[in-house]
Amino acid sequence: MISEKMNAALNKQVNAEMYSAYLYLAMQAYFNKLNLTGFVNWMNVQVQEEMAHAKGLYDYIQERGGEIVLDAIEKPEQNWNSPLDVFEAILKHEQLVTSLINNLADVADETKDRAAGLFLQWYIKEQVEEEASVSGVLDTLRMIKDDAHALLLLDRELAARVFNPPVIG
């Protein structure tokens, strides 16, 4: 059985992961307006990943006999000035998510929930990968600056990204 404190913290993270998907949907719409289909694809993969992260937490709560409590999802930002602006916002958001996951690990430690601690190791590793992926695109965008040709080459590269359903836990 899962403690009330761990259950509440995990439910809060389900909401945060759903918000992330919602945010990436807004970003996907932004790139769609710019007709940057590779960026649209990259965001679509992000949406699917965030939904999978939320579902993994949801399933874990149920597996441990916890109670699912779904809350309202906050409205995301919807206005950006450039692809660089979007990816700077993504990195900042992913750093926030990393801190949230680390806080969950702290709750697992505090409540001596070894099972939750083990489960959360996957999310901790995933956040390292998320930040590295975003940083790579961000570094390229910073190099590109206002070079439209280079932006289109990056767009083509981002079109190749494919969603691979994660095996969580």
N, C-alpha and C. Protein backbone atom coordinates (compact mmCIF):
# COMPACT_ATOMS: atom_id res chain seq x y z
N MET A 1 0.85 -1.19 0.00
CA MET A 1 0.00 0.00 0.00
C MET A 1 0.89 1.24 0.00
N ILE A 2 0.45 2.23 -0.70
CA ILE A 2 1.20 3.48 -0.84
C ILE A 2 0.75 4.48 0.23
N SER A 3 1.67 5.27 0.75
CA SER A 3 1.30 6.25 1.77
C SER A 3 0.48 7.38 1.14
N GLU A 4 -0.29 8.06 1.98
CA GLU A 4 -1.08 9.20 1.49
C GLU A 4 -0.18 10.28 0.90
N LYS A 5 0.94 10.53 1.55
CA LYS A 5 1.85 11.57 1.08
C LYS A 5 2.43 11.23 -0.29
N MET A 6 2.85 9.98 -0.47
CA MET A 6 3.41 9.55 -1.75
C MET A 6 2.31 9.56 -2.81
N ASN A 7 1.13 9.10 -2.45
CA ASN A 7 0.00 9.08 -3.38
C ASN A 7 -0.32 10.49 -3.88
N ALA A 8 -0.38 11.44 -2.96
CA ALA A 8 -0.68 12.83 -3.34
C ALA A 8 0.41 13.41 -4.23
N ALA A 9 1.66 13.12 -3.91
CA ALA A 9 2.78 13.64 -4.70
C ALA A 9 2.77 13.05 -6.11
N LEU A 10 2.47 11.77 -6.22
CA LEU A 10 2.41 11.14 -7.54
C LEU A 10 1.24 11.68 -8.36
N ASN A 11 0.10 11.90 -7.72
CA ASN A 11 -1.03 12.49 -8.43
C ASN A 11 -0.70 13.88 -8.95
N LYS A 12 0.03 14.64 -8.15
CA LYS A 12 0.45 15.98 -8.57
C LYS A 12 1.36 15.88 -9.79
N GLN A 13 2.21 14.86 -9.83
CA GLN A 13 3.11 14.68 -10.97
C GLN A 13 2.35 14.23 -12.21
N VAL A 14 1.30 13.44 -12.04
CA VAL A 14 0.46 13.08 -13.20
C VAL A 14 -0.04 14.37 -13.85
N ASN A 15 -0.51 15.30 -13.02
CA ASN A 15 -1.00 16.58 -13.53
C ASN A 15 0.12 17.34 -14.23
N ALA A 16 1.30 17.35 -13.65
CA ALA A 16 2.43 18.07 -14.25
C ALA A 16 2.81 17.48 -15.61
N GLU A 17 2.74 16.16 -15.73
CA GLU A 17 3.05 15.51 -17.01
C GLU A 17 1.97 15.82 -18.05
N MET A 18 0.73 15.86 -17.61
CA MET A 18 -0.36 16.22 -18.53
C MET A 18 -0.22 17.67 -18.98
N TYR A 19 0.19 18.55 -18.05
CA TYR A 19 0.44 19.94 -18.42
C TYR A 19 1.57 20.01 -19.46
N SER A 20 2.60 19.22 -19.28
CA SER A 20 3.70 19.20 -20.25
C SER A 20 3.19 18.83 -21.63
N ALA A 21 2.35 17.81 -21.70
CA ALA A 21 1.77 17.42 -23.00
C ALA A 21 0.96 18.58 -23.59
N TYR A 22 0.21 19.23 -22.75
CA TYR A 22 -0.62 20.37 -23.18
C TYR A 22 0.26 21.51 -23.69
N LEU A 23 1.34 21.80 -22.97
CA LEU A 23 2.28 22.83 -23.39
C LEU A 23 2.89 22.49 -24.74
N TYR A 24 3.30 21.23 -24.92
CA TYR A 24 3.90 20.83 -26.19
C TYR A 24 2.88 20.83 -27.32
N LEU A 25 1.63 20.61 -27.02
CA LEU A 25 0.58 20.76 -28.04
C LEU A 25 0.48 22.22 -28.50
N ALA A 26 0.57 23.14 -27.56
CA ALA A 26 0.54 24.57 -27.91
C ALA A 26 1.75 24.92 -28.77
N MET A 27 2.90 24.38 -28.42
CA MET A 27 4.11 24.64 -29.21
C MET A 27 4.00 24.01 -30.59
N GLN A 28 3.39 22.85 -30.65
CA GLN A 28 3.17 22.19 -31.94
C GLN A 28 2.30 23.07 -32.83
N ALA A 29 1.28 23.68 -32.27
CA ALA A 29 0.41 24.57 -33.04
C ALA A 29 1.20 25.79 -33.54
N TYR A 30 2.09 26.31 -32.71
CA TYR A 30 2.93 27.44 -33.11
C TYR A 30 3.77 27.06 -34.33
N PHE A 31 4.42 25.90 -34.29
CA PHE A 31 5.25 25.48 -35.41
C PHE A 31 4.42 25.15 -36.64
N ASN A 32 3.22 24.68 -36.42
CA ASN A 32 2.33 24.41 -37.55
C ASN A 32 2.01 25.71 -38.29
N LYS A 33 1.79 26.80 -37.54
CA LYS A 33 1.55 28.10 -38.16
C LYS A 33 2.74 28.56 -38.99
N LEU A 34 3.94 28.18 -38.58
CA LEU A 34 5.16 28.56 -39.31
C LEU A 34 5.47 27.60 -40.46
N ASN A 35 4.66 26.55 -40.58
CA ASN A 35 4.86 25.52 -41.59
C ASN A 35 6.22 24.82 -41.45
N LEU A 36 6.65 24.65 -40.21
CA LEU A 36 7.87 23.91 -39.92
C LEU A 36 7.48 22.50 -39.48
N THR A 37 7.24 21.64 -40.47
CA THR A 37 6.66 20.32 -40.20
C THR A 37 7.59 19.40 -39.40
N GLY A 38 8.90 19.59 -39.52
CA GLY A 38 9.82 18.80 -38.71
C GLY A 38 9.72 19.17 -37.24
N PHE A 39 9.60 20.47 -36.95
CA PHE A 39 9.40 20.93 -35.58
C PHE A 39 8.05 20.44 -35.06
N VAL A 40 7.04 20.44 -35.93
CA VAL A 40 5.72 19.91 -35.56
C VAL A 40 5.86 18.45 -35.15
N ASN A 41 6.61 17.68 -35.93
CA ASN A 41 6.83 16.27 -35.61
C ASN A 41 7.54 16.12 -34.28
N TRP A 42 8.58 16.93 -34.05
CA TRP A 42 9.34 16.84 -32.81
C TRP A 42 8.41 17.07 -31.61
N MET A 43 7.55 18.07 -31.74
CA MET A 43 6.60 18.37 -30.65
C MET A 43 5.58 17.24 -30.49
N ASN A 44 5.14 16.67 -31.59
CA ASN A 44 4.19 15.57 -31.51
C ASN A 44 4.79 14.39 -30.73
N VAL A 45 6.07 14.11 -30.98
CA VAL A 45 6.74 13.04 -30.22
C VAL A 45 6.79 13.42 -28.74
N GLN A 46 7.08 14.69 -28.45
CA GLN A 46 7.11 15.14 -27.06
C GLN A 46 5.75 14.95 -26.39
N VAL A 47 4.69 15.31 -27.09
CA VAL A 47 3.33 15.14 -26.54
C VAL A 47 3.11 13.68 -26.18
N GLN A 48 3.44 12.78 -27.09
CA GLN A 48 3.24 11.35 -26.83
C GLN A 48 4.08 10.87 -25.65
N GLU A 49 5.32 11.36 -25.56
CA GLU A 49 6.17 10.97 -24.44
C GLU A 49 5.58 11.43 -23.11
N GLU A 50 5.13 12.68 -23.07
CA GLU A 50 4.58 13.21 -21.81
C GLU A 50 3.31 12.46 -21.41
N MET A 51 2.50 12.12 -22.37
CA MET A 51 1.29 11.33 -22.08
C MET A 51 1.68 9.95 -21.53
N ALA A 52 2.72 9.36 -22.10
CA ALA A 52 3.19 8.06 -21.60
C ALA A 52 3.74 8.19 -20.19
N HIS A 53 4.44 9.30 -19.91
CA HIS A 53 4.96 9.52 -18.56
C HIS A 53 3.80 9.63 -17.56
N ALA A 54 2.77 10.38 -17.93
CA ALA A 54 1.60 10.54 -17.06
C ALA A 54 0.93 9.18 -16.82
N LYS A 55 0.78 8.42 -17.90
CA LYS A 55 0.11 7.11 -17.79
C LYS A 55 0.94 6.15 -16.94
N GLY A 56 2.26 6.23 -17.05
CA GLY A 56 3.11 5.37 -16.22
C GLY A 56 2.91 5.66 -14.74
N LEU A 57 2.85 6.93 -14.38
CA LEU A 57 2.59 7.31 -12.99
C LEU A 57 1.20 6.87 -12.55
N TYR A 58 0.23 7.10 -13.40
CA TYR A 58 -1.17 6.73 -13.15
C TYR A 58 -1.26 5.22 -12.86
N ASP A 59 -0.65 4.44 -13.73
CA ASP A 59 -0.68 2.98 -13.56
C ASP A 59 0.02 2.55 -12.27
N TYR A 60 1.13 3.22 -11.95
CA TYR A 60 1.86 2.88 -10.74
C TYR A 60 1.02 3.15 -9.50
N ILE A 61 0.34 4.29 -9.47
CA ILE A 61 -0.53 4.61 -8.33
C ILE A 61 -1.57 3.51 -8.15
N GLN A 62 -2.18 3.09 -9.24
CA GLN A 62 -3.21 2.04 -9.15
C GLN A 62 -2.60 0.71 -8.73
N GLU A 63 -1.44 0.39 -9.27
CA GLU A 63 -0.77 -0.87 -8.93
C GLU A 63 -0.46 -0.95 -7.43
N ARG A 64 -0.16 0.19 -6.83
CA ARG A 64 0.18 0.25 -5.41
C ARG A 64 -1.06 0.42 -4.52
N GLY A 65 -2.25 0.40 -5.11
CA GLY A 65 -3.47 0.51 -4.31
C GLY A 65 -3.80 1.94 -3.92
N GLY A 66 -3.21 2.89 -4.63
CA GLY A 66 -3.47 4.30 -4.34
C GLY A 66 -4.75 4.79 -5.00
N GLU A 67 -5.06 6.03 -4.71
CA GLU A 67 -6.27 6.65 -5.28
C GLU A 67 -5.84 7.66 -6.33
N ILE A 68 -6.48 7.58 -7.50
CA ILE A 68 -6.24 8.53 -8.58
C ILE A 68 -7.10 9.76 -8.33
N VAL A 69 -6.46 10.93 -8.33
CA VAL A 69 -7.17 12.19 -8.17
C VAL A 69 -6.71 13.11 -9.30
N LEU A 70 -7.57 13.26 -10.31
CA LEU A 70 -7.22 14.10 -11.45
C LEU A 70 -7.67 15.53 -11.18
N ASP A 71 -6.79 16.46 -11.46
CA ASP A 71 -7.04 17.87 -11.21
C ASP A 71 -7.09 18.61 -12.54
N ALA A 72 -7.53 19.85 -12.52
CA ALA A 72 -7.56 20.68 -13.72
C ALA A 72 -6.14 20.90 -14.24
N ILE A 73 -6.02 20.97 -15.56
CA ILE A 73 -4.72 21.23 -16.19
C ILE A 73 -4.65 22.71 -16.51
N GLU A 74 -3.59 23.34 -16.05
CA GLU A 74 -3.38 24.78 -16.27
C GLU A 74 -3.26 25.10 -17.77
N LYS A 75 -3.75 26.26 -18.15
CA LYS A 75 -3.62 26.72 -19.54
C LYS A 75 -2.15 27.03 -19.82
N PRO A 76 -1.60 26.50 -20.93
CA PRO A 76 -0.18 26.75 -21.22
C PRO A 76 0.03 28.08 -21.95
N GLU A 77 1.28 28.52 -21.94
CA GLU A 77 1.71 29.65 -22.76
C GLU A 77 1.42 29.32 -24.22
N GLN A 78 1.10 30.33 -25.01
CA GLN A 78 0.79 30.06 -26.41
C GLN A 78 1.44 31.05 -27.37
N ASN A 79 2.26 31.94 -26.86
CA ASN A 79 2.88 32.95 -27.71
C ASN A 79 4.39 32.93 -27.57
N TRP A 80 5.07 32.73 -28.70
CA TRP A 80 6.52 32.75 -28.74
C TRP A 80 6.96 33.62 -29.91
N ASN A 81 8.20 34.07 -29.86
CA ASN A 81 8.71 34.98 -30.89
C ASN A 81 9.52 34.29 -31.97
N SER A 82 9.99 33.07 -31.68
CA SER A 82 10.86 32.38 -32.63
C SER A 82 11.02 30.93 -32.18
N PRO A 83 11.51 30.08 -33.09
CA PRO A 83 11.84 28.71 -32.67
C PRO A 83 12.84 28.68 -31.51
N LEU A 84 13.80 29.59 -31.52
CA LEU A 84 14.76 29.68 -30.42
C LEU A 84 14.04 29.98 -29.11
N ASP A 85 13.12 30.91 -29.15
CA ASP A 85 12.32 31.27 -27.97
C ASP A 85 11.57 30.05 -27.43
N VAL A 86 11.01 29.25 -28.33
CA VAL A 86 10.28 28.04 -27.93
C VAL A 86 11.22 27.06 -27.22
N PHE A 87 12.37 26.81 -27.81
CA PHE A 87 13.27 25.82 -27.21
C PHE A 87 13.92 26.30 -25.93
N GLU A 88 14.08 27.61 -25.78
CA GLU A 88 14.53 28.12 -24.49
C GLU A 88 13.45 27.87 -23.43
N ALA A 89 12.18 28.04 -23.82
CA ALA A 89 11.07 27.76 -22.90
C ALA A 89 10.99 26.27 -22.57
N ILE A 90 11.26 25.43 -23.56
CA ILE A 90 11.24 23.98 -23.33
C ILE A 90 12.31 23.58 -22.32
N LEU A 91 13.53 24.10 -22.50
CA LEU A 91 14.60 23.74 -21.56
C LEU A 91 14.24 24.18 -20.15
N LYS A 92 13.74 25.38 -20.02
CA LYS A 92 13.34 25.87 -18.70
C LYS A 92 12.25 24.97 -18.10
N HIS A 93 11.29 24.56 -18.94
CA HIS A 93 10.21 23.69 -18.46
C HIS A 93 10.76 22.32 -18.04
N GLU A 94 11.63 21.75 -18.86
CA GLU A 94 12.18 20.43 -18.53
C GLU A 94 13.03 20.49 -17.27
N GLN A 95 13.71 21.60 -17.03
CA GLN A 95 14.46 21.75 -15.79
C GLN A 95 13.50 21.80 -14.59
N LEU A 96 12.35 22.43 -14.77
CA LEU A 96 11.32 22.42 -13.73
C LEU A 96 10.83 21.00 -13.47
N VAL A 97 10.55 20.27 -14.55
CA VAL A 97 10.08 18.88 -14.39
C VAL A 97 11.14 18.05 -13.67
N THR A 98 12.40 18.26 -14.00
CA THR A 98 13.48 17.55 -13.31
C THR A 98 13.42 17.82 -11.81
N SER A 99 13.20 19.07 -11.44
CA SER A 99 13.12 19.39 -10.01
C SER A 99 11.90 18.72 -9.37
N LEU A 100 10.80 18.64 -10.10
CA LEU A 100 9.60 17.97 -9.58
C LEU A 100 9.85 16.48 -9.36
N ILE A 101 10.53 15.85 -10.31
CA ILE A 101 10.85 14.42 -10.18
C ILE A 101 11.81 14.21 -9.00
N ASN A 102 12.79 15.10 -8.87
CA ASN A 102 13.71 14.99 -7.73
C ASN A 102 12.96 15.15 -6.41
N ASN A 103 11.98 16.04 -6.38
CA ASN A 103 11.16 16.20 -5.17
C ASN A 103 10.36 14.93 -4.87
N LEU A 104 9.88 14.27 -5.92
CA LEU A 104 9.17 12.99 -5.72
C LEU A 104 10.12 11.96 -5.10
N ALA A 105 11.35 11.92 -5.59
CA ALA A 105 12.33 10.99 -5.03
C ALA A 105 12.59 11.32 -3.56
N ASP A 106 12.59 12.60 -3.22
CA ASP A 106 12.75 13.01 -1.82
C ASP A 106 11.58 12.51 -0.97
N VAL A 107 10.37 12.58 -1.51
CA VAL A 107 9.20 12.08 -0.77
C VAL A 107 9.33 10.56 -0.58
N ALA A 108 9.78 9.87 -1.61
CA ALA A 108 9.97 8.41 -1.49
C ALA A 108 10.99 8.10 -0.40
N ASP A 109 12.07 8.87 -0.34
CA ASP A 109 13.07 8.68 0.70
C ASP A 109 12.49 8.99 2.08
N GLU A 110 11.79 10.11 2.16
CA GLU A 110 11.22 10.56 3.44
C GLU A 110 10.22 9.55 4.00
N THR A 111 9.42 8.95 3.10
CA THR A 111 8.39 7.99 3.54
C THR A 111 8.92 6.56 3.55
N LYS A 112 10.21 6.42 3.27
CA LYS A 112 10.87 5.10 3.22
C LYS A 112 10.14 4.14 2.27
N ASP A 113 9.67 4.70 1.15
CA ASP A 113 8.97 3.92 0.13
C ASP A 113 9.99 3.46 -0.91
N ARG A 114 10.61 2.32 -0.63
CA ARG A 114 11.66 1.79 -1.50
C ARG A 114 11.14 1.47 -2.89
N ALA A 115 9.93 0.98 -2.99
CA ALA A 115 9.36 0.64 -4.30
C ALA A 115 9.20 1.90 -5.14
N ALA A 116 8.70 2.97 -4.54
CA ALA A 116 8.54 4.23 -5.28
C ALA A 116 9.92 4.77 -5.68
N GLY A 117 10.88 4.66 -4.78
CA GLY A 117 12.24 5.11 -5.10
C GLY A 117 12.80 4.40 -6.32
N LEU A 118 12.62 3.09 -6.35
CA LEU A 118 13.08 2.32 -7.52
C LEU A 118 12.31 2.72 -8.78
N PHE A 119 11.01 2.85 -8.67
CA PHE A 119 10.17 3.24 -9.80
C PHE A 119 10.61 4.59 -10.36
N LEU A 120 10.91 5.53 -9.49
CA LEU A 120 11.25 6.89 -9.91
C LEU A 120 12.63 6.99 -10.56
N GLN A 121 13.47 5.97 -10.38
CA GLN A 121 14.79 6.00 -11.04
C GLN A 121 14.65 6.12 -12.55
N TRP A 122 13.63 5.49 -13.12
CA TRP A 122 13.41 5.58 -14.57
C TRP A 122 13.13 7.04 -14.95
N TYR A 123 12.31 7.72 -14.18
CA TYR A 123 11.95 9.11 -14.47
C TYR A 123 13.17 10.04 -14.30
N ILE A 124 14.00 9.77 -13.33
CA ILE A 124 15.21 10.57 -13.13
C ILE A 124 16.12 10.44 -14.34
N LYS A 125 16.33 9.22 -14.80
CA LYS A 125 17.16 8.99 -15.99
C LYS A 125 16.53 9.63 -17.22
N GLU A 126 15.23 9.53 -17.35
CA GLU A 126 14.52 10.11 -18.49
C GLU A 126 14.70 11.62 -18.54
N GLN A 127 14.69 12.27 -17.38
CA GLN A 127 14.86 13.73 -17.36
C GLN A 127 16.25 14.15 -17.82
N VAL A 128 17.26 13.35 -17.52
CA VAL A 128 18.60 13.64 -18.01
C VAL A 128 18.58 13.61 -19.55
N GLU A 129 17.92 12.59 -20.11
CA GLU A 129 17.82 12.47 -21.57
C GLU A 129 16.99 13.60 -22.17
N GLU A 130 15.90 13.98 -21.50
CA GLU A 130 15.04 15.07 -22.00
C GLU A 130 15.83 16.37 -22.09
N GLU A 131 16.53 16.72 -21.02
CA GLU A 131 17.29 17.97 -21.01
C GLU A 131 18.40 17.95 -22.06
N ALA A 132 19.06 16.82 -22.23
CA ALA A 132 20.13 16.71 -23.23
C ALA A 132 19.58 16.86 -24.64
N SER A 133 18.45 16.25 -24.92
CA SER A 133 17.83 16.35 -26.24
C SER A 133 17.45 17.79 -26.58
N VAL A 134 16.81 18.45 -25.64
CA VAL A 134 16.40 19.85 -25.84
C VAL A 134 17.63 20.74 -25.98
N SER A 135 18.64 20.52 -25.16
CA SER A 135 19.86 21.32 -25.22
C SER A 135 20.54 21.20 -26.58
N GLY A 136 20.50 20.00 -27.16
CA GLY A 136 21.10 19.79 -28.48
C GLY A 136 20.43 20.63 -29.55
N VAL A 137 19.10 20.62 -29.56
CA VAL A 137 18.35 21.43 -30.53
C VAL A 137 18.59 22.91 -30.25
N LEU A 138 18.57 23.28 -29.00
CA LEU A 138 18.78 24.68 -28.60
C LEU A 138 20.16 25.18 -29.04
N ASP A 139 21.19 24.37 -28.85
CA ASP A 139 22.53 24.76 -29.29
C ASP A 139 22.57 25.00 -30.79
N THR A 140 21.90 24.14 -31.54
CA THR A 140 21.86 24.29 -33.00
C THR A 140 21.11 25.56 -33.38
N LEU A 141 19.99 25.82 -32.73
CA LEU A 141 19.24 27.04 -33.02
C LEU A 141 20.06 28.29 -32.71
N ARG A 142 20.83 28.25 -31.67
CA ARG A 142 21.69 29.40 -31.34
C ARG A 142 22.76 29.62 -32.41
N MET A 143 23.28 28.53 -32.97
CA MET A 143 24.25 28.66 -34.05
C MET A 143 23.62 29.20 -35.33
N ILE A 144 22.40 28.74 -35.59
CA ILE A 144 21.69 29.12 -36.81
C ILE A 144 21.39 30.62 -36.85
N LYS A 145 21.01 31.16 -35.72
CA LYS A 145 20.59 32.56 -35.61
C LYS A 145 19.46 32.84 -36.60
N ASP A 146 19.68 33.68 -37.60
CA ASP A 146 18.63 34.06 -38.55
C ASP A 146 18.81 33.41 -39.92
N ASP A 147 19.56 32.34 -39.99
CA ASP A 147 19.81 31.66 -41.27
C ASP A 147 18.63 30.74 -41.61
N ALA A 148 17.76 31.20 -42.51
CA ALA A 148 16.55 30.45 -42.87
C ALA A 148 16.89 29.10 -43.49
N HIS A 149 17.93 29.06 -44.30
CA HIS A 149 18.33 27.80 -44.94
C HIS A 149 18.73 26.77 -43.87
N ALA A 150 19.52 27.20 -42.91
CA ALA A 150 19.95 26.30 -41.83
C ALA A 150 18.74 25.85 -41.00
N LEU A 151 17.80 26.76 -40.79
CA LEU A 151 16.59 26.41 -40.03
C LEU A 151 15.81 25.31 -40.76
N LEU A 152 15.72 25.41 -42.08
CA LEU A 152 15.02 24.39 -42.86
C LEU A 152 15.75 23.05 -42.83
N LEU A 153 17.08 23.09 -42.77
CA LEU A 153 17.84 21.85 -42.64
C LEU A 153 17.58 21.20 -41.28
N LEU A 154 17.53 22.02 -40.24
CA LEU A 154 17.21 21.49 -38.91
C LEU A 154 15.78 20.94 -38.90
N ASP A 155 14.87 21.65 -39.54
CA ASP A 155 13.48 21.19 -39.62
C ASP A 155 13.42 19.79 -40.25
N ARG A 156 14.19 19.58 -41.30
CA ARG A 156 14.23 18.27 -41.98
C ARG A 156 14.76 17.20 -41.03
N GLU A 157 15.79 17.58 -40.26
CA GLU A 157 16.37 16.63 -39.30
C GLU A 157 15.36 16.26 -38.21
N LEU A 158 14.61 17.24 -37.71
CA LEU A 158 13.64 16.99 -36.65
C LEU A 158 12.46 16.16 -37.14
N ALA A 159 12.23 16.17 -38.44
CA ALA A 159 11.14 15.37 -39.02
C ALA A 159 11.40 13.87 -38.88
N ALA A 160 12.64 13.49 -38.69
CA ALA A 160 13.00 12.07 -38.60
C ALA A 160 12.77 11.48 -37.22
N ARG A 161 12.48 12.31 -36.22
CA ARG A 161 12.28 11.80 -34.86
C ARG A 161 11.03 10.92 -34.81
N VAL A 162 11.15 9.79 -34.11
CA VAL A 162 10.06 8.83 -34.02
C VAL A 162 9.77 8.55 -32.55
N PHE A 163 8.49 8.42 -32.23
CA PHE A 163 8.09 8.06 -30.86
C PHE A 163 8.28 6.58 -30.65
N ASN A 164 9.03 6.25 -29.61
CA ASN A 164 9.20 4.86 -29.17
C ASN A 164 8.56 4.75 -27.80
N PRO A 165 7.45 4.03 -27.70
CA PRO A 165 6.78 3.92 -26.39
C PRO A 165 7.75 3.42 -25.33
N PRO A 166 7.85 4.15 -24.23
CA PRO A 166 8.81 3.76 -23.18
C PRO A 166 8.31 2.58 -22.36
N VAL A 167 9.26 1.84 -21.83
CA VAL A 167 8.97 0.80 -20.85
C VAL A 167 9.33 1.42 -19.50
N ILE A 168 8.32 1.86 -18.77
CA ILE A 168 8.53 2.61 -17.55
C ILE A 168 8.59 1.67 -16.35
N GLY A 169 9.56 1.95 -15.50
CA GLY A 169 9.63 1.22 -14.25
C GLY A 169 10.63 0.13 -14.21
